[in-house]
Amino acid sequence: MLWTAVKLRRIQELENPTIIVVTDRTDLDEQIKGTFERCGFPNPIQAKSARHLQEVLSNPVGQTMMTTVQKFQDAADEYPILTKNPDIFVLVDEAHRTQYKMLAANMRRAIKNGTFIGFTGTPISKKFRNTIETFGSYVDIYDHRQAVQDGATVPIFYEGRMAELSVTGSSMEDLFNRLFADYSLEDRERIKKKYVTQEAIATSTRRIREICLDITKHFETHIASNGFKAQIVTSTRKAAIKYKKILDELNAPSSEVLISKLHNEEADIVPFHRSKTEEQEIIRQFKEEVNPKILIVCDKLLTGFDAPIEQVMYLDSPLKEHTLLQAIARVNRTYPQKQYGLVVDYWGVSADLQAALNMFTVEESTDLVHTDYRKEVLPRLQAAHNAAMNFFRDVDINNLDACVQYLEPEIEELHLTSDLSYFQNYIDMLFRILKLCLC
């Protein structure tokens, strides 16, 4: 968006066009304005209100304004035409959202002859919501494969975990029987008839406790040991709070809950309310300090949240379509020593993930998420294992001291013929392979 605005400003024939940058979240509005300011873009302004927005558009004189689409509202039955100036360019962020109903219609009526350019990582194609029909054909595509090749993002791996605790498809009956195994058949039928819903299953204390045990073990073994952090996405706000309480009971790594606030809130949710300042401080600590190591969310931080240190998302929520794809992209940010992002699925969204990927063409969706990454990684691991085993064929592979002594001739030869950095890298590589073999 920034570079598009810069290019538009440099086209002399446009004679200093007006640029309106539109998104649908206040945090994204702030983020975009901050990006323009930090990059030295001259005088970006932010719409203070719906009236302020109308005042600017009624007399456009080359400003660059940031606004949310929600400010295109009016008490009148029909939104007014504010300008017919053709030199107005509207850059729409998250163009797959909030661009197909009344607010978007008001925006296009207000800016009668403007040029609308959509920006999105997840274009959609549905009967009444079609990104390409709304904005026109692609101007440019920068896809995930190019981003990974450029080092702008890391690949995303998906792992379905603890399928017996998932809450979709044929596993619902098995899951219910597992959770209520201690009840009589009559009691189970009565409970099932009255209480068995996806939410009831999902927020079962016993189920969440089992998942928290698995998360704790997985996180401490595979994520925290490498210096990375995690995000847990839950189906409800109450589930998020329950995750927090159970993780604390288990002495799991430090965590914080960030959930939305409602009026007339239930008493057990109020203690977990955070002011905007408190929320921003928790996010800063997550990104920059040792603790917290885990953020637990329900309806926050699923889009636009940028925390490179986050490597894994533990997903226990029925996300679908572009919302699902946007959420899992939280783990693809680059960070030192971070080779991949991981989505661990406890809900059972594999079918929904495939449906979301099917919204794209085969070329666009290929390698977007590695859903069967074990088949890709295992052959390389087996080759490394075989090479290491063959190297140490004359020594007891379970005796680490013997293996180190066996390396001494290699060490001496490398030390005489190579610089220190190569020597260190070589030994590090051998011990990494050896560690895999011993595991």
Protein backbone atom coordinates (compact mmCIF):
# COMPACT_ATOMS: atom_id res chain seq x y z
CA MET A 1 0.00 0.00 0.00
CA LEU A 2 2.82 2.36 0.87
CA TRP A 3 4.66 1.74 -2.38
CA THR A 4 1.44 2.07 -4.39
CA ALA A 5 0.81 5.43 -2.75
CA VAL A 6 4.39 6.54 -3.49
CA LYS A 7 4.04 5.54 -7.16
CA LEU A 8 0.72 7.36 -7.48
CA ARG A 9 2.28 10.51 -6.04
CA ARG A 10 5.07 10.34 -8.66
CA ILE A 11 2.75 10.20 -11.68
CA GLN A 12 2.71 13.80 -12.89
CA GLU A 13 -0.40 13.36 -15.02
CA LEU A 14 -2.47 12.67 -11.90
CA GLU A 15 -1.64 16.12 -10.53
CA ASN A 16 -1.34 15.24 -6.84
CA PRO A 17 -4.14 12.68 -6.37
CA THR A 18 -6.09 12.09 -3.19
CA ILE A 19 -5.37 8.69 -1.63
CA ILE A 20 -7.78 7.03 0.79
CA VAL A 21 -6.52 3.95 2.65
CA VAL A 22 -9.41 1.87 4.00
CA THR A 23 -9.43 -1.05 6.43
CA ASP A 24 -12.03 -2.55 8.76
CA ARG A 25 -10.21 -2.71 12.11
CA THR A 26 -9.02 0.17 14.26
CA ASP A 27 -5.77 -1.66 15.11
CA LEU A 28 -5.01 -2.12 11.40
CA ASP A 29 -5.87 1.53 10.80
CA GLU A 30 -3.30 2.52 13.42
CA GLN A 31 -0.77 0.04 12.03
CA ILE A 32 -1.05 1.36 8.48
CA LYS A 33 -0.79 4.99 9.57
CA GLY A 34 2.27 4.13 11.64
CA THR A 35 3.90 2.39 8.67
CA PHE A 36 3.38 5.41 6.41
CA GLU A 37 4.77 7.75 9.08
CA ARG A 38 7.83 5.65 9.89
CA CYS A 39 8.68 5.41 6.19
CA GLY A 40 8.57 9.19 5.80
CA PHE A 41 5.42 9.44 3.70
CA PRO A 42 4.36 13.11 3.83
CA ASN A 43 1.44 14.06 6.07
CA PRO A 44 -0.83 11.02 6.29
CA ILE A 45 -3.95 11.91 8.26
CA GLN A 46 -6.48 9.76 10.06
CA ALA A 47 -10.24 10.24 9.81
CA LYS A 48 -11.38 11.26 13.29
CA SER A 49 -15.05 10.57 12.62
CA ALA A 50 -17.61 9.94 9.90
CA ARG A 51 -18.15 13.71 9.64
CA HIS A 52 -14.41 14.40 9.33
CA LEU A 53 -14.20 11.83 6.54
CA GLN A 54 -17.07 13.46 4.66
CA GLU A 55 -15.47 16.90 5.02
CA VAL A 56 -12.22 15.72 3.46
CA LEU A 57 -13.92 13.88 0.60
CA SER A 58 -16.19 16.82 -0.17
CA ASN A 59 -13.15 18.90 -1.08
CA PRO A 60 -10.25 16.55 -1.92
CA VAL A 61 -6.98 18.42 -2.36
CA GLY A 62 -4.31 15.76 -2.56
CA GLN A 63 -4.44 14.43 0.99
CA THR A 64 -3.58 10.91 2.03
CA MET A 65 -6.18 9.75 4.56
CA MET A 66 -6.52 6.55 6.58
CA THR A 67 -9.99 5.45 7.64
CA THR A 68 -12.05 2.45 8.62
CA VAL A 69 -14.89 1.43 6.33
CA GLN A 70 -17.24 1.77 9.32
CA LYS A 71 -16.95 5.56 9.01
CA PHE A 72 -18.88 5.38 5.74
CA GLN A 73 -22.17 5.43 7.60
CA ASP A 74 -24.91 8.00 7.66
CA ALA A 75 -28.27 8.42 9.33
CA ALA A 76 -29.89 9.33 6.02
CA ASP A 77 -31.56 6.67 3.88
CA GLU A 78 -29.11 7.22 1.05
CA TYR A 79 -25.44 8.05 1.46
CA PRO A 80 -24.48 11.31 -0.28
CA ILE A 81 -22.22 11.58 -3.31
CA LEU A 82 -19.25 13.48 -1.90
CA THR A 83 -17.01 13.82 -4.94
CA LYS A 84 -16.91 13.00 -8.64
CA ASN A 85 -13.19 13.76 -8.90
CA PRO A 86 -11.55 10.93 -10.92
CA ASP A 87 -8.11 11.47 -9.32
CA ILE A 88 -9.01 9.66 -6.11
CA PHE A 89 -7.50 6.28 -5.38
CA VAL A 90 -8.97 4.06 -2.68
CA LEU A 91 -6.57 1.39 -1.36
CA VAL A 92 -8.64 -1.24 0.46
CA ASP A 93 -6.89 -3.47 2.97
CA GLU A 94 -8.29 -6.95 3.74
CA ALA A 95 -10.37 -6.70 0.56
CA HIS A 96 -11.98 -10.08 1.19
CA ARG A 97 -13.87 -8.60 4.18
CA THR A 98 -16.56 -5.90 4.62
CA GLN A 99 -16.55 -5.03 0.91
CA TYR A 100 -19.81 -6.61 -0.16
CA LYS A 101 -22.57 -4.90 1.85
CA MET A 102 -23.94 -1.49 2.77
CA LEU A 103 -20.80 0.20 4.11
CA ALA A 104 -18.86 -0.68 0.96
CA ALA A 105 -21.80 0.48 -1.19
CA ASN A 106 -21.78 3.80 0.68
CA MET A 107 -18.06 4.17 0.06
CA ARG A 108 -18.39 3.60 -3.67
CA ARG A 109 -21.35 5.97 -3.90
CA ALA A 110 -19.47 8.67 -1.96
CA ILE A 111 -16.41 8.42 -4.24
CA LYS A 112 -18.31 8.27 -7.50
CA ASN A 113 -15.45 8.12 -10.02
CA GLY A 114 -12.64 6.84 -7.80
CA THR A 115 -10.33 3.95 -8.57
CA PHE A 116 -10.58 1.10 -6.06
CA ILE A 117 -7.60 -1.21 -5.51
CA GLY A 118 -8.01 -4.24 -3.25
CA PHE A 119 -5.20 -5.79 -1.18
CA THR A 120 -5.69 -9.26 0.28
CA GLY A 121 -3.85 -12.47 0.96
CA THR A 122 -7.06 -14.50 0.73
CA PRO A 123 -9.32 -13.46 -2.18
CA ILE A 124 -12.73 -15.15 -2.02
CA SER A 125 -15.12 -16.36 -4.69
CA LYS A 126 -18.69 -16.83 -3.51
CA LYS A 127 -22.14 -16.11 -4.92
CA PHE A 128 -22.52 -12.74 -3.23
CA ARG A 129 -18.90 -12.13 -2.22
CA ASN A 130 -16.34 -12.25 -4.98
CA THR A 131 -13.14 -10.28 -4.63
CA ILE A 132 -12.20 -10.30 -8.31
CA GLU A 133 -15.71 -9.32 -9.45
CA THR A 134 -15.69 -6.45 -6.96
CA PHE A 135 -12.20 -5.07 -7.65
CA GLY A 136 -11.32 -6.42 -11.08
CA SER A 137 -8.58 -8.77 -12.22
CA TYR A 138 -5.22 -9.15 -10.48
CA VAL A 139 -2.75 -6.31 -10.86
CA ASP A 140 0.04 -8.29 -9.22
CA ILE A 141 0.40 -11.52 -7.26
CA TYR A 142 3.06 -12.16 -4.64
CA ASP A 143 2.31 -15.64 -3.37
CA HIS A 144 3.50 -17.70 -0.42
CA ARG A 145 6.01 -19.72 -2.44
CA GLN A 146 7.75 -16.57 -3.63
CA ALA A 147 7.68 -15.18 -0.09
CA VAL A 148 9.31 -18.33 1.30
CA GLN A 149 11.92 -18.33 -1.48
CA ASP A 150 12.70 -14.68 -0.73
CA GLY A 151 13.01 -15.35 2.98
CA ALA A 152 10.08 -13.02 3.72
CA THR A 153 8.13 -15.81 5.44
CA VAL A 154 8.71 -19.37 6.60
CA PRO A 155 6.69 -22.41 5.47
CA ILE A 156 3.71 -23.52 7.55
CA PHE A 157 3.32 -27.14 8.66
CA TYR A 158 -0.04 -28.52 9.83
CA GLU A 159 -0.42 -31.37 12.30
CA GLY A 160 -3.70 -32.91 13.41
CA ARG A 161 -3.18 -34.02 17.00
CA MET A 162 -5.15 -36.12 19.51
CA ALA A 163 -7.92 -36.92 17.03
CA GLU A 164 -9.93 -38.66 19.77
CA LEU A 165 -10.48 -35.21 21.32
CA SER A 166 -11.58 -33.44 18.15
CA VAL A 167 -15.12 -32.11 18.01
CA THR A 168 -16.08 -32.52 14.37
CA GLY A 169 -17.22 -35.26 12.08
CA SER A 170 -17.54 -38.91 13.10
CA SER A 171 -15.38 -38.47 16.22
CA MET A 172 -18.14 -36.65 18.16
CA GLU A 173 -19.79 -39.87 19.37
CA ASP A 174 -16.46 -41.45 20.34
CA LEU A 175 -15.40 -38.27 22.10
CA PHE A 176 -18.62 -38.10 24.10
CA ASN A 177 -18.26 -41.72 25.17
CA ARG A 178 -14.66 -41.08 26.15
CA LEU A 179 -15.45 -38.01 28.26
CA PHE A 180 -18.47 -39.60 29.99
CA ALA A 181 -17.20 -43.16 30.24
CA ASP A 182 -17.82 -43.22 34.00
CA TYR A 183 -21.56 -42.60 33.58
CA SER A 184 -24.23 -45.26 33.09
CA LEU A 185 -25.76 -45.79 29.67
CA GLU A 186 -29.04 -44.19 30.81
CA ASP A 187 -27.24 -41.14 32.21
CA ARG A 188 -25.18 -40.79 29.04
CA GLU A 189 -28.29 -40.80 26.87
CA ARG A 190 -29.96 -38.19 29.10
CA ILE A 191 -26.86 -35.96 29.07
CA LYS A 192 -26.43 -36.36 25.35
CA LYS A 193 -30.02 -35.38 24.62
CA LYS A 194 -29.93 -32.26 26.77
CA TYR A 195 -26.39 -31.00 26.75
CA VAL A 196 -24.30 -32.42 23.94
CA THR A 197 -23.37 -29.53 21.69
CA GLN A 198 -20.09 -28.63 20.09
CA GLU A 199 -19.57 -25.90 22.68
CA ALA A 200 -20.31 -28.24 25.58
CA ILE A 201 -17.87 -30.82 24.24
CA ALA A 202 -15.24 -28.20 23.44
CA THR A 203 -15.33 -26.62 26.90
CA SER A 204 -15.40 -29.87 28.87
CA THR A 205 -12.89 -29.53 31.71
CA ARG A 206 -11.66 -33.07 31.20
CA ARG A 207 -11.09 -32.52 27.48
CA ILE A 208 -9.28 -29.21 27.97
CA ARG A 209 -7.13 -30.70 30.72
CA GLU A 210 -5.97 -33.48 28.40
CA ILE A 211 -5.18 -30.96 25.69
CA CYS A 212 -3.34 -28.70 28.16
CA LEU A 213 -1.20 -31.65 29.24
CA ASP A 214 -0.35 -32.36 25.62
CA ILE A 215 0.32 -28.69 24.85
CA THR A 216 2.61 -28.35 27.85
CA LYS A 217 4.67 -31.38 26.89
CA HIS A 218 4.81 -30.43 23.20
CA PHE A 219 5.64 -26.78 23.89
CA GLU A 220 8.39 -27.49 26.42
CA THR A 221 9.94 -30.21 24.25
CA HIS A 222 9.74 -28.73 20.77
CA ILE A 223 9.07 -24.99 20.98
CA ALA A 224 10.31 -23.33 24.19
CA SER A 225 13.58 -25.26 24.06
CA ASN A 226 14.40 -23.35 20.87
CA GLY A 227 13.39 -19.96 22.27
CA PHE A 228 10.03 -19.60 20.51
CA LYS A 229 6.52 -18.86 21.77
CA ALA A 230 2.95 -20.00 21.16
CA GLN A 231 -0.64 -18.93 20.70
CA ILE A 232 -3.70 -20.95 21.74
CA VAL A 233 -6.90 -20.21 19.82
CA THR A 234 -10.09 -21.32 21.59
CA SER A 235 -13.72 -21.56 20.53
CA THR A 236 -15.21 -19.32 23.25
CA ARG A 237 -14.11 -16.77 25.79
CA LYS A 238 -15.00 -19.14 28.63
CA ALA A 239 -12.86 -21.83 27.04
CA ALA A 240 -9.94 -19.38 26.87
CA ILE A 241 -10.28 -18.68 30.59
CA LYS A 242 -10.50 -22.39 31.37
CA TYR A 243 -7.31 -23.00 29.37
CA LYS A 244 -5.55 -20.33 31.42
CA LYS A 245 -6.68 -21.75 34.76
CA ILE A 246 -5.76 -25.34 33.88
CA LEU A 247 -2.36 -24.38 32.46
CA ASP A 248 -1.62 -22.52 35.69
CA GLU A 249 -2.70 -25.56 37.73
CA LEU A 250 -0.28 -27.70 35.70
CA ASN A 251 2.59 -25.23 36.27
CA ALA A 252 2.82 -24.83 32.51
CA PRO A 253 4.89 -22.04 30.94
CA SER A 254 3.56 -18.54 31.67
CA SER A 255 0.46 -17.48 29.75
CA GLU A 256 -1.93 -14.56 29.35
CA VAL A 257 -5.55 -14.37 28.15
CA LEU A 258 -6.66 -11.69 25.71
CA ILE A 259 -10.41 -11.71 24.99
CA SER A 260 -13.01 -9.15 24.00
CA LYS A 261 -15.22 -7.37 26.54
CA LEU A 262 -19.03 -7.19 26.53
CA HIS A 263 -21.50 -5.04 28.43
CA ASN A 264 -23.20 -6.68 31.43
CA GLU A 265 -20.40 -9.21 31.58
CA GLU A 266 -20.65 -12.43 33.58
CA ALA A 267 -18.81 -12.25 36.87
CA ASP A 268 -16.29 -15.01 36.08
CA ILE A 269 -15.13 -13.23 32.92
CA VAL A 270 -14.67 -9.73 34.38
CA PRO A 271 -11.30 -10.51 36.09
CA PHE A 272 -9.85 -11.25 32.66
CA HIS A 273 -10.81 -7.91 31.13
CA ARG A 274 -7.86 -5.84 29.97
CA SER A 275 -7.74 -2.17 29.11
CA LYS A 276 -6.28 -1.24 25.75
CA THR A 277 -3.07 -0.12 27.46
CA GLU A 278 -2.81 -3.37 29.43
CA GLU A 279 -3.44 -5.42 26.29
CA GLN A 280 -0.76 -3.56 24.36
CA GLU A 281 1.71 -4.10 27.21
CA ILE A 282 1.01 -7.85 27.27
CA ILE A 283 1.57 -8.00 23.50
CA ARG A 284 4.82 -6.04 23.86
CA GLN A 285 6.04 -8.42 26.57
CA PHE A 286 5.12 -11.42 24.42
CA LYS A 287 7.18 -10.04 21.55
CA GLU A 288 10.12 -8.62 23.48
CA GLU A 289 10.50 -10.21 26.92
CA VAL A 290 10.89 -13.70 28.37
CA ASN A 291 7.30 -13.95 29.59
CA PRO A 292 4.53 -14.59 28.77
CA LYS A 293 5.39 -17.55 26.59
CA ILE A 294 1.81 -18.34 25.52
CA LEU A 295 -1.08 -16.08 24.49
CA ILE A 296 -4.59 -17.54 24.83
CA VAL A 297 -7.18 -15.91 22.57
CA CYS A 298 -10.63 -16.44 21.18
CA ASP A 299 -11.55 -13.56 18.89
CA LYS A 300 -8.43 -11.40 19.09
CA LEU A 301 -5.02 -11.44 17.36
CA LEU A 302 -6.19 -13.71 14.53
CA THR A 303 -5.53 -11.16 11.78
CA GLY A 304 -2.93 -8.43 11.52
CA PHE A 305 -1.04 -9.70 14.58
CA ASP A 306 2.67 -9.74 13.86
CA ALA A 307 4.84 -11.56 16.42
CA PRO A 308 7.83 -13.21 14.71
CA ILE A 309 8.81 -15.10 17.87
CA GLU A 310 5.56 -17.10 17.66
CA GLN A 311 6.28 -20.46 16.05
CA VAL A 312 3.26 -22.57 16.94
CA MET A 313 -0.50 -22.06 17.01
CA TYR A 314 -2.48 -24.59 19.04
CA LEU A 315 -5.88 -24.49 17.37
CA ASP A 316 -9.01 -25.48 19.26
CA SER A 317 -11.62 -23.47 17.37
CA PRO A 318 -13.90 -24.11 14.36
CA LEU A 319 -12.33 -21.51 12.07
CA LYS A 320 -13.20 -21.70 8.38
CA GLU A 321 -12.31 -20.27 4.96
CA HIS A 322 -10.28 -17.06 4.86
CA THR A 323 -10.53 -16.61 8.64
CA LEU A 324 -8.74 -19.93 9.09
CA LEU A 325 -6.06 -19.09 6.52
CA GLN A 326 -5.53 -15.63 8.02
CA ALA A 327 -5.22 -17.07 11.53
CA ILE A 328 -2.64 -19.74 10.75
CA ALA A 329 -0.52 -17.17 8.92
CA ARG A 330 0.38 -15.75 12.37
CA VAL A 331 3.14 -18.38 12.56
CA ASN A 332 4.84 -17.68 9.21
CA ARG A 333 6.88 -14.62 10.28
CA THR A 334 10.65 -14.92 10.06
CA TYR A 335 12.83 -14.98 13.18
CA PRO A 336 16.44 -16.05 13.83
CA GLN A 337 16.76 -19.86 13.72
CA LYS A 338 13.05 -20.23 12.89
CA GLN A 339 12.79 -22.69 10.00
CA TYR A 340 9.01 -23.14 9.91
CA GLY A 341 5.72 -22.28 11.57
CA LEU A 342 3.50 -25.02 13.00
CA VAL A 343 -0.27 -25.33 13.40
CA VAL A 344 -1.33 -28.04 15.86
CA ASP A 345 -5.02 -28.84 15.42
CA TYR A 346 -7.09 -30.17 18.34
CA TRP A 347 -10.51 -29.27 16.92
CA GLY A 348 -10.32 -31.24 13.70
CA VAL A 349 -10.31 -28.56 10.98
CA SER A 350 -8.46 -30.57 8.35
CA ALA A 351 -11.52 -30.77 6.08
CA ASP A 352 -12.20 -27.05 6.55
CA LEU A 353 -8.55 -26.29 5.82
CA GLN A 354 -8.73 -28.24 2.59
CA ALA A 355 -11.97 -26.45 1.67
CA ALA A 356 -10.27 -23.13 2.34
CA LEU A 357 -7.33 -24.11 0.14
CA ASN A 358 -9.77 -25.15 -2.59
CA MET A 359 -10.90 -21.52 -2.82
CA PHE A 360 -7.66 -20.92 -4.71
CA THR A 361 -6.38 -22.37 -7.94
CA VAL A 362 -4.05 -25.37 -7.75
CA GLU A 363 -1.08 -23.09 -8.50
CA GLU A 364 -2.07 -20.63 -5.78
CA SER A 365 -2.74 -23.22 -3.08
CA THR A 366 0.22 -25.55 -3.68
CA ASP A 367 2.49 -25.55 -0.60
CA LEU A 368 0.42 -22.81 1.06
CA VAL A 369 0.16 -25.13 4.08
CA HIS A 370 2.10 -28.38 4.31
CA THR A 371 -0.63 -30.72 5.53
CA ASP A 372 1.40 -33.89 4.97
CA TYR A 373 4.84 -32.57 5.81
CA ARG A 374 5.98 -35.80 7.44
CA LYS A 375 6.17 -37.39 3.98
CA GLU A 376 8.39 -34.51 2.86
CA VAL A 377 10.67 -34.47 5.91
CA LEU A 378 10.92 -38.19 6.66
CA PRO A 379 12.98 -39.21 3.57
CA ARG A 380 15.58 -36.51 4.34
CA LEU A 381 15.68 -37.57 7.99
CA GLN A 382 16.08 -41.23 7.01
CA ALA A 383 18.94 -40.37 4.64
CA ALA A 384 20.69 -38.37 7.38
CA HIS A 385 20.10 -41.21 9.84
CA ASN A 386 21.54 -43.81 7.47
CA ALA A 387 24.60 -41.64 6.78
CA ALA A 388 25.27 -41.13 10.47
CA MET A 389 24.75 -44.80 11.32
CA ASN A 390 27.10 -45.79 8.52
CA PHE A 391 29.74 -43.30 9.72
CA PHE A 392 29.68 -44.82 13.24
CA ARG A 393 29.30 -48.43 12.12
CA ASP A 394 32.49 -49.48 13.95
CA VAL A 395 31.53 -47.95 17.30
CA ASP A 396 28.70 -48.34 19.82
CA ILE A 397 26.18 -45.72 18.71
CA ASN A 398 24.71 -45.56 22.24
CA ASN A 399 28.07 -44.62 23.77
CA LEU A 400 28.38 -40.87 23.25
CA ASP A 401 31.97 -40.69 24.60
CA ALA A 402 33.05 -43.43 22.22
CA CYS A 403 31.42 -41.59 19.33
CA VAL A 404 33.25 -38.38 20.25
CA GLN A 405 36.59 -40.24 20.42
CA TYR A 406 35.82 -41.81 17.06
CA LEU A 407 35.54 -38.29 15.62
CA GLU A 408 39.03 -37.22 16.78
CA PRO A 409 40.86 -38.13 13.53
CA GLU A 410 38.26 -36.16 11.57
CA ILE A 411 38.65 -33.22 13.96
CA GLU A 412 42.45 -33.19 13.65
CA GLU A 413 42.33 -33.35 9.85
CA LEU A 414 39.77 -30.58 9.59
CA HIS A 415 41.64 -28.44 12.11
CA LEU A 416 44.78 -28.62 9.97
CA THR A 417 43.14 -28.00 6.62
CA SER A 418 40.19 -25.68 7.35
CA ASP A 419 39.45 -22.42 9.08
CA LEU A 420 37.82 -22.49 12.51
CA SER A 421 34.31 -21.55 11.34
CA TYR A 422 34.14 -24.45 8.91
CA PHE A 423 35.47 -26.80 11.59
CA GLN A 424 32.82 -25.67 14.07
CA ASN A 425 30.00 -25.94 11.52
CA TYR A 426 31.11 -29.45 10.54
CA ILE A 427 31.18 -30.74 14.11
CA ASP A 428 27.85 -29.05 14.87
CA MET A 429 26.27 -30.76 11.86
CA LEU A 430 27.59 -34.19 12.89
CA PHE A 431 26.31 -33.82 16.42
CA ARG A 432 22.90 -32.69 15.19
CA ILE A 433 22.65 -35.85 13.09
CA LEU A 434 23.93 -37.92 16.00
CA LYS A 435 21.31 -36.44 18.29
CA LEU A 436 18.57 -37.41 15.82
CA CYS A 437 19.93 -40.96 15.68
CA LEU A 438 20.07 -41.31 19.45
CA CYS A 439 16.45 -40.05 19.75
